[in-house]
C-alpha cells in the first residue's frame, strides 16, 4: 500500500459507501501504519481504495477511523491557509 499522487484517477473518483465495515480491519490497520509519523489523516482513495472511509492518527489524543462520513454543516466564513 502506498500513498497516491495527483493526477491519479482514484483521487478524483466518487467513492462507494462501505457496506460491511468489519471487512475493513486490515485496510484500516495498514493505513494507520502507513501514516505513522508522517501525517495525521488519510482517506481510502489516497491509497487507491475507492470506498468511503478515512483514518486519523494524532496520538496521544486520537487514533480512529470514520466510515461513510458525511458533511452535515459548514461555516459561512471562508478562510485560506498555507499548506
C-alpha atoms as a PDB file:
ATOM      1  CA  UNK A   1       0.000   0.000   0.000  1.00  0.00           C
ATOM      2  CA  UNK A   2       1.346   3.419  -0.965  1.00  0.00           C
ATOM      3  CA  UNK A   3       0.080   6.994  -0.988  1.00  0.00           C
ATOM      4  CA  UNK A   4      -1.052   8.089  -4.451  1.00  0.00           C
ATOM      5  CA  UNK A   5      -0.327  11.474  -6.017  1.00  0.00           C
ATOM      6  CA  UNK A   6      -2.358  13.706  -8.303  1.00  0.00           C
ATOM      7  CA  UNK A   7      -3.407  13.156 -11.112  1.00  0.00           C
ATOM      8  CA  UNK A   8      -4.094   9.509 -10.154  1.00  0.00           C
ATOM      9  CA  UNK A   9      -7.654   8.566 -11.148  1.00  0.00           C
ATOM     10  CA  UNK A  10      -8.582   7.265  -7.656  1.00  0.00           C
ATOM     11  CA  UNK A  11      -8.147  10.789  -6.257  1.00  0.00           C
ATOM     12  CA  UNK A  12     -10.963  12.166  -8.415  1.00  0.00           C
ATOM     13  CA  UNK A  13     -13.280   9.137  -8.295  1.00  0.00           C
ATOM     14  CA  UNK A  14     -16.551   9.329  -6.335  1.00  0.00           C
ATOM     15  CA  UNK A  15     -16.102   6.629  -3.710  1.00  0.00           C
ATOM     16  CA  UNK A  16     -18.671   3.937  -2.939  1.00  0.00           C
ATOM     17  CA  UNK A  17     -20.248   3.632   0.526  1.00  0.00           C
ATOM     18  CA  UNK A  18     -18.917   0.916   2.809  1.00  0.00           C
ATOM     19  CA  UNK A  19     -21.488  -1.876   3.167  1.00  0.00           C
ATOM     20  CA  UNK A  20     -19.659  -4.187   5.613  1.00  0.00           C
ATOM     21  CA  UNK A  21     -17.384  -2.218   7.980  1.00  0.00           C
ATOM     22  CA  UNK A  22     -15.927  -5.328   9.657  1.00  0.00           C
ATOM     23  CA  UNK A  23     -14.168  -6.204   6.383  1.00  0.00           C
ATOM     24  CA  UNK A  24     -12.031  -3.036   6.615  1.00  0.00           C
ATOM     25  CA  UNK A  25      -9.947  -4.033   9.634  1.00  0.00           C
ATOM     26  CA  UNK A  26      -6.782  -4.927   7.720  1.00  0.00           C
ATOM     27  CA  UNK A  27      -7.029  -1.840   5.459  1.00  0.00           C
ATOM     28  CA  UNK A  28      -7.548   0.478   8.448  1.00  0.00           C
ATOM     29  CA  UNK A  29      -4.576  -1.068  10.292  1.00  0.00           C
ATOM     30  CA  UNK A  30      -2.333  -0.803   7.217  1.00  0.00           C
ATOM     31  CA  UNK A  31      -3.355   2.827   6.572  1.00  0.00           C
ATOM     32  CA  UNK A  32      -2.598   3.747  10.213  1.00  0.00           C
ATOM     33  CA  UNK A  33       0.845   2.113   9.886  1.00  0.00           C
ATOM     34  CA  UNK A  34       1.423   3.991   6.632  1.00  0.00           C
ATOM     35  CA  UNK A  35       0.841   7.477   8.104  1.00  0.00           C
ATOM     36  CA  UNK A  36       2.500   6.878  11.468  1.00  0.00           C
ATOM     37  CA  UNK A  37       4.973   9.688  11.988  1.00  0.00           C
ATOM     38  CA  UNK A  38       4.312  11.400   8.638  1.00  0.00           C
ATOM     39  CA  UNK A  39       0.686  12.512   8.738  1.00  0.00           C
ATOM     40  CA  UNK A  40      -2.488  12.980  10.708  1.00  0.00           C
ATOM     41  CA  UNK A  41      -5.196  11.677   8.366  1.00  0.00           C
ATOM     42  CA  UNK A  42      -5.578   9.589   5.256  1.00  0.00           C
ATOM     43  CA  UNK A  43      -8.624   8.909   3.073  1.00  0.00           C
ATOM     44  CA  UNK A  44      -9.050   5.483   1.499  1.00  0.00           C
ATOM     45  CA  UNK A  45      -8.921   6.864  -2.053  1.00  0.00           C
ATOM     46  CA  UNK A  46      -5.457   8.287  -1.295  1.00  0.00           C
ATOM     47  CA  UNK A  47      -4.207   4.685  -1.270  1.00  0.00           C
ATOM     48  CA  UNK A  48      -6.348   3.517  -4.182  1.00  0.00           C
ATOM     49  CA  UNK A  49      -9.312   2.124  -2.237  1.00  0.00           C
ATOM     50  CA  UNK A  50     -12.442   3.730  -3.669  1.00  0.00           C
ATOM     51  CA  UNK A  51     -14.572   3.249  -0.547  1.00  0.00           C
ATOM     52  CA  UNK A  52     -15.814   5.992   1.822  1.00  0.00           C
ATOM     53  CA  UNK A  53     -13.632   5.764   4.906  1.00  0.00           C
ATOM     54  CA  UNK A  54     -10.627   7.505   6.402  1.00  0.00           C
ATOM     55  CA  UNK A  55      -8.211   7.138   9.324  1.00  0.00           C
ATOM     56  CA  UNK A  56      -6.761   9.606  11.822  1.00  0.00           C
ATOM     57  CA  UNK A  57      -3.583   9.264  13.833  1.00  0.00           C
ATOM     58  CA  UNK A  58      -2.959  12.092  16.290  1.00  0.00           C
ATOM     59  CA  UNK A  59      -1.512  10.400  19.386  1.00  0.00           C
ATOM     60  CA  UNK A  60      -1.981  10.512  22.265  1.00  0.00           C
ATOM     61  CA  UNK A  61      -5.316  12.256  21.702  1.00  0.00           C
ATOM     62  CA  UNK A  62      -6.870  10.382  18.795  1.00  0.00           C
ATOM     63  CA  UNK A  63      -6.291   7.259  16.761  1.00  0.00           C
ATOM     64  CA  UNK A  64      -9.509   6.423  14.951  1.00  0.00           C
ATOM     65  CA  UNK A  65     -11.357   5.991  11.675  1.00  0.00           C
ATOM     66  CA  UNK A  66     -14.617   7.137  10.081  1.00  0.00           C
ATOM     67  CA  UNK A  67     -16.818   5.045   7.825  1.00  0.00           C
ATOM     68  CA  UNK A  68     -19.187   6.677   5.322  1.00  0.00           C
ATOM     69  CA  UNK A  69     -18.609  10.207   6.676  1.00  0.00           C
ATOM     70  CA  UNK A  70     -20.972  12.982   5.561  1.00  0.00           C
ATOM     71  CA  UNK A  71     -20.538  16.748   5.810  1.00  0.00           C
ATOM     72  CA  UNK A  72     -23.694  17.975   7.545  1.00  0.00           C
ATOM     73  CA  UNK A  73     -22.680  21.552   8.378  1.00  0.00           C
ATOM     74  CA  UNK A  74     -20.126  24.124   7.292  1.00  0.00           C
ATOM     75  CA  UNK A  75     -19.274  27.620   8.361  1.00  0.00           C
ATOM     76  CA  UNK A  76     -20.392  30.583   6.277  1.00  0.00           C
ATOM     77  CA  UNK A  77     -16.865  32.031   6.733  1.00  0.00           C
ATOM     78  CA  UNK A  78     -14.293  31.353   4.085  1.00  0.00           C
ATOM     79  CA  UNK A  79     -10.652  31.023   5.002  1.00  0.00           C
ATOM     80  CA  UNK A  80      -7.325  30.359   3.429  1.00  0.00           C
ATOM     81  CA  UNK A  81      -4.132  28.961   4.802  1.00  0.00           C
ATOM     82  CA  UNK A  82      -0.788  27.759   3.599  1.00  0.00           C
ATOM     83  CA  UNK A  83      -0.369  24.033   3.271  1.00  0.00           C
END
